[in-house]
Full PDB file with SEQRES, HELIX, SHEET, SSBOND, CRYST1, ORIGX, SCALE, CONECT and MASTER records, all heavy atoms in Angstrom:
SEQRES   1 A   34  GLY LEU ALA ARG ALA LEU GLY ALA SER GLY LEU ARG VAL          
SEQRES   2 A   34  GLY GLY ILE ALA SER PRO LEU GLU ARG GLY ARG ASP GLY          
SEQRES   3 A   34  ARG PRO LEU ALA ILE ASP ALA LEU                              
HELIX    1 AA1 LEU A    2  ALA A    8  1                                   7    
SHEET    1 AA1 2 LEU A  20  ARG A  22  0                                        
SHEET    2 AA1 2 PRO A  28  ILE A  31 -1                                        
CRYST1    1.000    1.000    1.000  90.00  90.00  90.00 P 1           1          
ORIGX1      1.000000  0.000000  0.000000        0.00000                         
ORIGX2      0.000000  1.000000  0.000000        0.00000                         
ORIGX3      0.000000  0.000000  1.000000        0.00000                         
SCALE1      1.000000  0.000000  0.000000        0.00000                         
SCALE2      0.000000  1.000000  0.000000        0.00000                         
SCALE3      0.000000  0.000000  1.000000        0.00000                         
ATOM      1  N   GLY A   1      98.848  84.484 102.598  1.00  0.00           N  
ATOM      2  CA  GLY A   1     100.250  84.314 102.960  1.00  0.00           C  
ATOM      3  C   GLY A   1     100.420  83.832 104.387  1.00  0.00           C  
ATOM      4  O   GLY A   1     101.277  82.983 104.676  1.00  0.00           O  
ATOM      5  N   LEU A   2      99.610  84.360 105.303  1.00  0.00           N  
ATOM      6  CA  LEU A   2      99.680  83.918 106.695  1.00  0.00           C  
ATOM      7  C   LEU A   2      99.295  82.452 106.829  1.00  0.00           C  
ATOM      8  O   LEU A   2      99.902  81.709 107.606  1.00  0.00           O  
ATOM      9  CB  LEU A   2      98.745  84.768 107.555  1.00  0.00           C  
ATOM     10  CG  LEU A   2      99.227  86.170 107.916  1.00  0.00           C  
ATOM     11  CD1 LEU A   2      98.106  86.941 108.585  1.00  0.00           C  
ATOM     12  CD2 LEU A   2     100.442  86.106 108.837  1.00  0.00           C  
ATOM     13  N   ALA A   3      98.277  82.031 106.087  1.00  0.00           N  
ATOM     14  CA  ALA A   3      97.841  80.635 106.157  1.00  0.00           C  
ATOM     15  C   ALA A   3      98.986  79.702 105.777  1.00  0.00           C  
ATOM     16  O   ALA A   3      99.217  78.677 106.433  1.00  0.00           O  
ATOM     17  CB  ALA A   3      96.637  80.414 105.247  1.00  0.00           C  
ATOM     18  N   ARG A   4      99.721  80.062 104.735  1.00  0.00           N  
ATOM     19  CA  ARG A   4     100.849  79.217 104.319  1.00  0.00           C  
ATOM     20  C   ARG A   4     101.995  79.265 105.327  1.00  0.00           C  
ATOM     21  O   ARG A   4     102.536  78.236 105.737  1.00  0.00           O  
ATOM     22  CB  ARG A   4     101.331  79.653 102.940  1.00  0.00           C  
ATOM     23  CG  ARG A   4     100.349  79.352 101.821  1.00  0.00           C  
ATOM     24  CD  ARG A   4     100.995  79.569 100.463  1.00  0.00           C  
ATOM     25  NE  ARG A   4     101.272  80.975 100.222  1.00  0.00           N  
ATOM     26  CZ  ARG A   4     100.433  81.820  99.632  1.00  0.00           C  
ATOM     27  NH1 ARG A   4      99.243  81.389  99.247  1.00  0.00           N  
ATOM     28  NH2 ARG A   4     100.777  83.073  99.415  1.00  0.00           N  
ATOM     29  N   ALA A   5     102.364  80.483 105.754  1.00  0.00           N  
ATOM     30  CA  ALA A   5     103.520  80.642 106.633  1.00  0.00           C  
ATOM     31  C   ALA A   5     103.276  80.044 108.012  1.00  0.00           C  
ATOM     32  O   ALA A   5     104.131  79.335 108.559  1.00  0.00           O  
ATOM     33  CB  ALA A   5     103.878  82.125 106.753  1.00  0.00           C  
ATOM     34  N   LEU A   6     102.111  80.306 108.589  1.00  0.00           N  
ATOM     35  CA  LEU A   6     101.816  79.785 109.918  1.00  0.00           C  
ATOM     36  C   LEU A   6     101.614  78.283 109.881  1.00  0.00           C  
ATOM     37  O   LEU A   6     101.997  77.568 110.805  1.00  0.00           O  
ATOM     38  CB  LEU A   6     100.582  80.477 110.496  1.00  0.00           C  
ATOM     39  CG  LEU A   6     100.756  81.962 110.829  1.00  0.00           C  
ATOM     40  CD1 LEU A   6      99.430  82.561 111.280  1.00  0.00           C  
ATOM     41  CD2 LEU A   6     101.815  82.170 111.896  1.00  0.00           C  
ATOM     42  N   GLY A   7     101.005  77.790 108.798  1.00  0.00           N  
ATOM     43  CA  GLY A   7     100.853  76.344 108.663  1.00  0.00           C  
ATOM     44  C   GLY A   7     102.200  75.643 108.627  1.00  0.00           C  
ATOM     45  O   GLY A   7     102.397  74.585 109.238  1.00  0.00           O  
ATOM     46  N   ALA A   8     103.166  76.237 107.933  1.00  0.00           N  
ATOM     47  CA  ALA A   8     104.509  75.661 107.866  1.00  0.00           C  
ATOM     48  C   ALA A   8     105.214  75.714 109.217  1.00  0.00           C  
ATOM     49  O   ALA A   8     106.130  74.929 109.488  1.00  0.00           O  
ATOM     50  CB  ALA A   8     105.335  76.399 106.819  1.00  0.00           C  
ATOM     51  N   SER A   9     104.783  76.640 110.104  1.00  0.00           N  
ATOM     52  CA  SER A   9     105.385  76.782 111.433  1.00  0.00           C  
ATOM     53  C   SER A   9     104.694  75.928 112.489  1.00  0.00           C  
ATOM     54  O   SER A   9     105.098  75.945 113.646  1.00  0.00           O  
ATOM     55  CB  SER A   9     105.334  78.259 111.867  1.00  0.00           C  
ATOM     56  OG  SER A   9     106.050  79.070 110.961  1.00  0.00           O  
ATOM     57  N   GLY A  10     103.628  75.235 112.096  1.00  0.00           N  
ATOM     58  CA  GLY A  10     102.959  74.341 113.028  1.00  0.00           C  
ATOM     59  C   GLY A  10     101.642  74.845 113.571  1.00  0.00           C  
ATOM     60  O   GLY A  10     101.046  74.194 114.435  1.00  0.00           O  
ATOM     61  N   LEU A  11     101.180  76.000 113.107  1.00  0.00           N  
ATOM     62  CA  LEU A  11      99.899  76.516 113.583  1.00  0.00           C  
ATOM     63  C   LEU A  11      98.870  76.373 112.478  1.00  0.00           C  
ATOM     64  O   LEU A  11      99.015  76.950 111.400  1.00  0.00           O  
ATOM     65  CB  LEU A  11     100.020  77.992 113.965  1.00  0.00           C  
ATOM     66  CG  LEU A  11      98.760  78.599 114.588  1.00  0.00           C  
ATOM     67  CD1 LEU A  11      98.618  78.122 116.031  1.00  0.00           C  
ATOM     68  CD2 LEU A  11      98.802  80.117 114.549  1.00  0.00           C  
ATOM     69  N   ARG A  12      97.852  75.602 112.721  1.00  0.00           N  
ATOM     70  CA  ARG A  12      96.822  75.396 111.710  1.00  0.00           C  
ATOM     71  C   ARG A  12      95.950  76.638 111.578  1.00  0.00           C  
ATOM     72  O   ARG A  12      95.510  77.212 112.568  1.00  0.00           O  
ATOM     73  CB  ARG A  12      95.949  74.188 112.067  1.00  0.00           C  
ATOM     74  CG  ARG A  12      96.688  72.861 112.101  1.00  0.00           C  
ATOM     75  CD  ARG A  12      95.711  71.721 112.313  1.00  0.00           C  
ATOM     76  NE  ARG A  12      94.856  71.556 111.146  1.00  0.00           N  
ATOM     77  CZ  ARG A  12      93.625  71.041 111.200  1.00  0.00           C  
ATOM     78  NH1 ARG A  12      93.115  70.688 112.355  1.00  0.00           N  
ATOM     79  NH2 ARG A  12      92.918  70.900 110.093  1.00  0.00           N  
ATOM     80  N   VAL A  13      95.720  77.035 110.347  1.00  0.00           N  
ATOM     81  CA  VAL A  13      94.904  78.203 110.056  1.00  0.00           C  
ATOM     82  C   VAL A  13      93.655  77.752 109.308  1.00  0.00           C  
ATOM     83  O   VAL A  13      93.739  77.045 108.304  1.00  0.00           O  
ATOM     84  CB  VAL A  13      95.674  79.234 109.210  1.00  0.00           C  
ATOM     85  CG1 VAL A  13      94.787  80.438 108.888  1.00  0.00           C  
ATOM     86  CG2 VAL A  13      96.938  79.680 109.941  1.00  0.00           C  
ATOM     87  N   GLY A  14      92.500  78.147 109.819  1.00  0.00           N  
ATOM     88  CA  GLY A  14      91.238  77.804 109.173  1.00  0.00           C  
ATOM     89  C   GLY A  14      90.417  79.051 108.922  1.00  0.00           C  
ATOM     90  O   GLY A  14      90.861  80.170 109.142  1.00  0.00           O  
ATOM     91  N   GLY A  15      89.206  78.832 108.445  1.00  0.00           N  
ATOM     92  CA  GLY A  15      88.321  79.953 108.178  1.00  0.00           C  
ATOM     93  C   GLY A  15      88.112  80.177 106.698  1.00  0.00           C  
ATOM     94  O   GLY A  15      88.359  79.292 105.873  1.00  0.00           O  
ATOM     95  N   ILE A  16      87.658  81.368 106.356  1.00  0.00           N  
ATOM     96  CA  ILE A  16      87.263  81.689 104.986  1.00  0.00           C  
ATOM     97  C   ILE A  16      88.020  82.912 104.479  1.00  0.00           C  
ATOM     98  O   ILE A  16      88.095  83.939 105.157  1.00  0.00           O  
ATOM     99  CB  ILE A  16      85.751  81.973 104.916  1.00  0.00           C  
ATOM    100  CG1 ILE A  16      84.945  80.717 105.283  1.00  0.00           C  
ATOM    101  CG2 ILE A  16      85.354  82.468 103.524  1.00  0.00           C  
ATOM    102  CD1 ILE A  16      85.104  79.565 104.305  1.00  0.00           C  
ATOM    103  N   ALA A  17      88.603  82.784 103.291  1.00  0.00           N  
ATOM    104  CA  ALA A  17      89.161  83.921 102.564  1.00  0.00           C  
ATOM    105  C   ALA A  17      88.299  84.157 101.333  1.00  0.00           C  
ATOM    106  O   ALA A  17      87.601  83.252 100.869  1.00  0.00           O  
ATOM    107  CB  ALA A  17      90.605  83.656 102.164  1.00  0.00           C  
ATOM    108  N   SER A  18      88.352  85.376 100.813  1.00  0.00           N  
ATOM    109  CA  SER A  18      87.507  85.735  99.673  1.00  0.00           C  
ATOM    110  C   SER A  18      88.336  86.329  98.536  1.00  0.00           C  
ATOM    111  O   SER A  18      88.261  87.531  98.253  1.00  0.00           O  
ATOM    112  CB  SER A  18      86.427  86.736 100.111  1.00  0.00           C  
ATOM    113  OG  SER A  18      85.616  86.201 101.125  1.00  0.00           O  
ATOM    114  N   PRO A  19      89.151  85.495  97.879  1.00  0.00           N  
ATOM    115  CA  PRO A  19      89.927  86.012  96.743  1.00  0.00           C  
ATOM    116  C   PRO A  19      89.006  86.439  95.607  1.00  0.00           C  
ATOM    117  O   PRO A  19      87.946  85.852  95.390  1.00  0.00           O  
ATOM    118  CB  PRO A  19      90.791  84.819  96.335  1.00  0.00           C  
ATOM    119  CG  PRO A  19      90.053  83.622  96.839  1.00  0.00           C  
ATOM    120  CD  PRO A  19      89.367  84.060  98.096  1.00  0.00           C  
ATOM    121  N   LEU A  20      89.405  87.484  94.903  1.00  0.00           N  
ATOM    122  CA  LEU A  20      88.559  87.977  93.819  1.00  0.00           C  
ATOM    123  C   LEU A  20      89.321  88.046  92.507  1.00  0.00           C  
ATOM    124  O   LEU A  20      90.552  88.015  92.473  1.00  0.00           O  
ATOM    125  CB  LEU A  20      87.940  89.329  94.175  1.00  0.00           C  
ATOM    126  CG  LEU A  20      88.865  90.507  94.541  1.00  0.00           C  
ATOM    127  CD1 LEU A  20      89.422  91.183  93.305  1.00  0.00           C  
ATOM    128  CD2 LEU A  20      88.094  91.514  95.365  1.00  0.00           C  
ATOM    129  N   GLU A  21      88.557  88.114  91.442  1.00  0.00           N  
ATOM    130  CA  GLU A  21      89.109  88.289  90.104  1.00  0.00           C  
ATOM    131  C   GLU A  21      88.793  89.707  89.654  1.00  0.00           C  
ATOM    132  O   GLU A  21      87.668  90.176  89.802  1.00  0.00           O  
ATOM    133  CB  GLU A  21      88.476  87.286  89.135  1.00  0.00           C  
ATOM    134  CG  GLU A  21      88.709  85.838  89.505  1.00  0.00           C  
ATOM    135  CD  GLU A  21      87.955  84.882  88.597  1.00  0.00           C  
ATOM    136  OE1 GLU A  21      87.483  85.345  87.533  1.00  0.00           O  
ATOM    137  OE2 GLU A  21      87.833  83.701  88.957  1.00  0.00           O  
ATOM    138  N   ARG A  22      89.806  90.380  89.105  1.00  0.00           N  
ATOM    139  CA  ARG A  22      89.605  91.739  88.636  1.00  0.00           C  
ATOM    140  C   ARG A  22      89.722  91.804  87.113  1.00  0.00           C  
ATOM    141  O   ARG A  22      90.454  91.024  86.502  1.00  0.00           O  
ATOM    142  CB  ARG A  22      90.648  92.683  89.261  1.00  0.00           C  
ATOM    143  CG  ARG A  22      90.524  92.833  90.762  1.00  0.00           C  
ATOM    144  CD  ARG A  22      91.493  93.892  91.288  1.00  0.00           C  
ATOM    145  NE  ARG A  22      91.466  93.971  92.730  1.00  0.00           N  
ATOM    146  CZ  ARG A  22      90.605  94.699  93.425  1.00  0.00           C  
ATOM    147  NH1 ARG A  22      89.704  95.413  92.788  1.00  0.00           N  
ATOM    148  NH2 ARG A  22      90.647  94.731  94.742  1.00  0.00           N  
ATOM    149  N   GLY A  23      89.011  92.745  86.551  1.00  0.00           N  
ATOM    150  CA  GLY A  23      89.119  92.982  85.127  1.00  0.00           C  
ATOM    151  C   GLY A  23      90.350  93.810  84.808  1.00  0.00           C  
ATOM    152  O   GLY A  23      91.113  94.202  85.691  1.00  0.00           O  
ATOM    153  N   ARG A  24      90.544  94.115  83.547  1.00  0.00           N  
ATOM    154  CA  ARG A  24      91.705  94.906  83.142  1.00  0.00           C  
ATOM    155  C   ARG A  24      91.690  96.298  83.730  1.00  0.00           C  
ATOM    156  O   ARG A  24      92.739  96.926  83.899  1.00  0.00           O  
ATOM    157  CB  ARG A  24      91.753  94.992  81.614  1.00  0.00           C  
ATOM    158  CG  ARG A  24      92.034  93.653  80.942  1.00  0.00           C  
ATOM    159  CD  ARG A  24      92.120  93.814  79.442  1.00  0.00           C  
ATOM    160  NE  ARG A  24      92.406  92.541  78.789  1.00  0.00           N  
ATOM    161  CZ  ARG A  24      92.531  92.401  77.472  1.00  0.00           C  
ATOM    162  NH1 ARG A  24      92.379  93.451  76.674  1.00  0.00           N  
ATOM    163  NH2 ARG A  24      92.790  91.214  76.968  1.00  0.00           N  
ATOM    164  N   ASP A  25      90.502  96.787  84.064  1.00  0.00           N  
ATOM    165  CA  ASP A  25      90.392  98.117  84.654  1.00  0.00           C  
ATOM    166  C   ASP A  25      90.545  98.098  86.170  1.00  0.00           C  
ATOM    167  O   ASP A  25      90.444  99.125  86.832  1.00  0.00           O  
ATOM    168  CB  ASP A  25      89.053  98.756  84.292  1.00  0.00           C  
ATOM    169  CG  ASP A  25      87.868  97.926  84.757  1.00  0.00           C  
ATOM    170  OD1 ASP A  25      88.079  96.864  85.391  1.00  0.00           O  
ATOM    171  OD2 ASP A  25      86.718  98.328  84.500  1.00  0.00           O  
ATOM    172  N   GLY A  26      90.812  96.910  86.745  1.00  0.00           N  
ATOM    173  CA  GLY A  26      91.003  96.786  88.181  1.00  0.00           C  
ATOM    174  C   GLY A  26      89.746  96.569  88.976  1.00  0.00           C  
ATOM    175  O   GLY A  26      89.802  96.338  90.184  1.00  0.00           O  
ATOM    176  N   ARG A  27      88.589  96.621  88.321  1.00  0.00           N  
ATOM    177  CA  ARG A  27      87.337  96.441  89.050  1.00  0.00           C  
ATOM    178  C   ARG A  27      87.042  94.964  89.265  1.00  0.00           C  
ATOM    179  O   ARG A  27      87.343  94.131  88.407  1.00  0.00           O  
ATOM    180  CB  ARG A  27      86.195  97.101  88.280  1.00  0.00           C  
ATOM    181  CG  ARG A  27      86.277  98.613  88.262  1.00  0.00           C  
ATOM    182  CD  ARG A  27      85.289  99.203  87.297  1.00  0.00           C  
ATOM    183  NE  ARG A  27      85.255 100.663  87.373  1.00  0.00           N  
ATOM    184  CZ  ARG A  27      84.746 101.438  86.435  1.00  0.00           C  
ATOM    185  NH1 ARG A  27      84.234 100.900  85.341  1.00  0.00           N  
ATOM    186  NH2 ARG A  27      84.758 102.742  86.581  1.00  0.00           N  
ATOM    187  N   PRO A  28      86.420  94.615  90.411  1.00  0.00           N  
ATOM    188  CA  PRO A  28      86.112  93.211  90.687  1.00  0.00           C  
ATOM    189  C   PRO A  28      85.106  92.641  89.692  1.00  0.00           C  
ATOM    190  O   PRO A  28      84.106  93.276  89.375  1.00  0.00           O  
ATOM    191  CB  PRO A  28      85.509  93.259  92.093  1.00  0.00           C  
ATOM    192  CG  PRO A  28      85.978  94.547  92.675  1.00  0.00           C  
ATOM    193  CD  PRO A  28      86.068  95.498  91.532  1.00  0.00           C  
ATOM    194  N   LEU A  29      85.394  91.434  89.200  1.00  0.00           N  
ATOM    195  CA  LEU A  29      84.478  90.723  88.318  1.00  0.00           C  
ATOM    196  C   LEU A  29      83.782  89.578  89.041  1.00  0.00           C  
ATOM    197  O   LEU A  29      82.627  89.270  88.754  1.00  0.00           O  
ATOM    198  CB  LEU A  29      85.237  90.163  87.110  1.00  0.00           C  
ATOM    199  CG  LEU A  29      85.866  91.173  86.151  1.00  0.00           C  
ATOM    200  CD1 LEU A  29      86.623  90.431  85.059  1.00  0.00           C  
ATOM    201  CD2 LEU A  29      84.805  92.086  85.559  1.00  0.00           C  
ATOM    202  N   ALA A  30      84.495  88.937  89.971  1.00  0.00           N  
ATOM    203  CA  ALA A  30      83.939  87.791  90.684  1.00  0.00           C  
ATOM    204  C   ALA A  30      84.664  87.625  92.009  1.00  0.00           C  
ATOM    205  O   ALA A  30      85.813  88.055  92.166  1.00  0.00           O  
ATOM    206  CB  ALA A  30      84.066  86.524  89.853  1.00  0.00           C  
ATOM    207  N   ILE A  31      83.987  86.997  92.958  1.00  0.00           N  
ATOM    208  CA  ILE A  31      84.548  86.719  94.273  1.00  0.00           C  
ATOM    209  C   ILE A  31      84.326  85.248  94.591  1.00  0.00           C  
ATOM    210  O   ILE A  31      83.240  84.720  94.355  1.00  0.00           O  
ATOM    211  CB  ILE A  31      83.883  87.578  95.360  1.00  0.00           C  
ATOM    212  CG1 ILE A  31      83.975  89.065  95.029  1.00  0.00           C  
ATOM    213  CG2 ILE A  31      84.530  87.310  96.726  1.00  0.00           C  
ATOM    214  CD1 ILE A  31      83.175  89.949  95.976  1.00  0.00           C  
ATOM    215  N   ASP A  32      85.343  84.590  95.121  1.00  0.00           N  
ATOM    216  CA  ASP A  32      85.218  83.209  95.571  1.00  0.00           C  
ATOM    217  C   ASP A  32      85.237  83.147  97.089  1.00  0.00           C  
ATOM    218  O   ASP A  32      85.716  84.067  97.759  1.00  0.00           O  
ATOM    219  CB  ASP A  32      86.369  82.357  95.031  1.00  0.00           C  
ATOM    220  CG  ASP A  32      86.229  82.038  93.559  1.00  0.00           C  
ATOM    221  OD1 ASP A  32      85.143  82.280  93.001  1.00  0.00           O  
ATOM    222  OD2 ASP A  32      87.210  81.561  92.958  1.00  0.00           O  
ATOM    223  N   ALA A  33      84.728  82.059  97.634  1.00  0.00           N  
ATOM    224  CA  ALA A  33      84.891  81.744  99.051  1.00  0.00           C  
ATOM    225  C   ALA A  33      85.848  80.567  99.124  1.00  0.00           C  
ATOM    226  O   ALA A  33      85.618  79.530  98.494  1.00  0.00           O  
ATOM    227  CB  ALA A  33      83.556  81.388  99.693  1.00  0.00           C  
ATOM    228  N   LEU A  34      86.933  80.724  99.859  1.00  0.00           N  
ATOM    229  CA  LEU A  34      87.985  79.715  99.959  1.00  0.00           C  
ATOM    230  C   LEU A  34      88.087  79.204 101.385  1.00  0.00           C  
ATOM    231  O   LEU A  34      88.291  79.988 102.321  1.00  0.00           O  
ATOM    232  CB  LEU A  34      89.323  80.312  99.529  1.00  0.00           C  
ATOM    233  CG  LEU A  34      90.576  79.473  99.770  1.00  0.00           C  
ATOM    234  CD1 LEU A  34      90.547  78.205  98.921  1.00  0.00           C  
ATOM    235  CD2 LEU A  34      91.825  80.293  99.472  1.00  0.00           C  
TER     236      LEU A  34                                                      
MASTER        0    0    0    1    2    0    0    6  235    1    0    3          
END                                                                             
């Protein structure tokens, strides 16, 4: 959310985020590097 909001305000945001996918039980199934 910060990457989108700050980018729209003129501040470039870089780096790595690690969004994950969870199963129906809430446990992590996979992690991506973004």
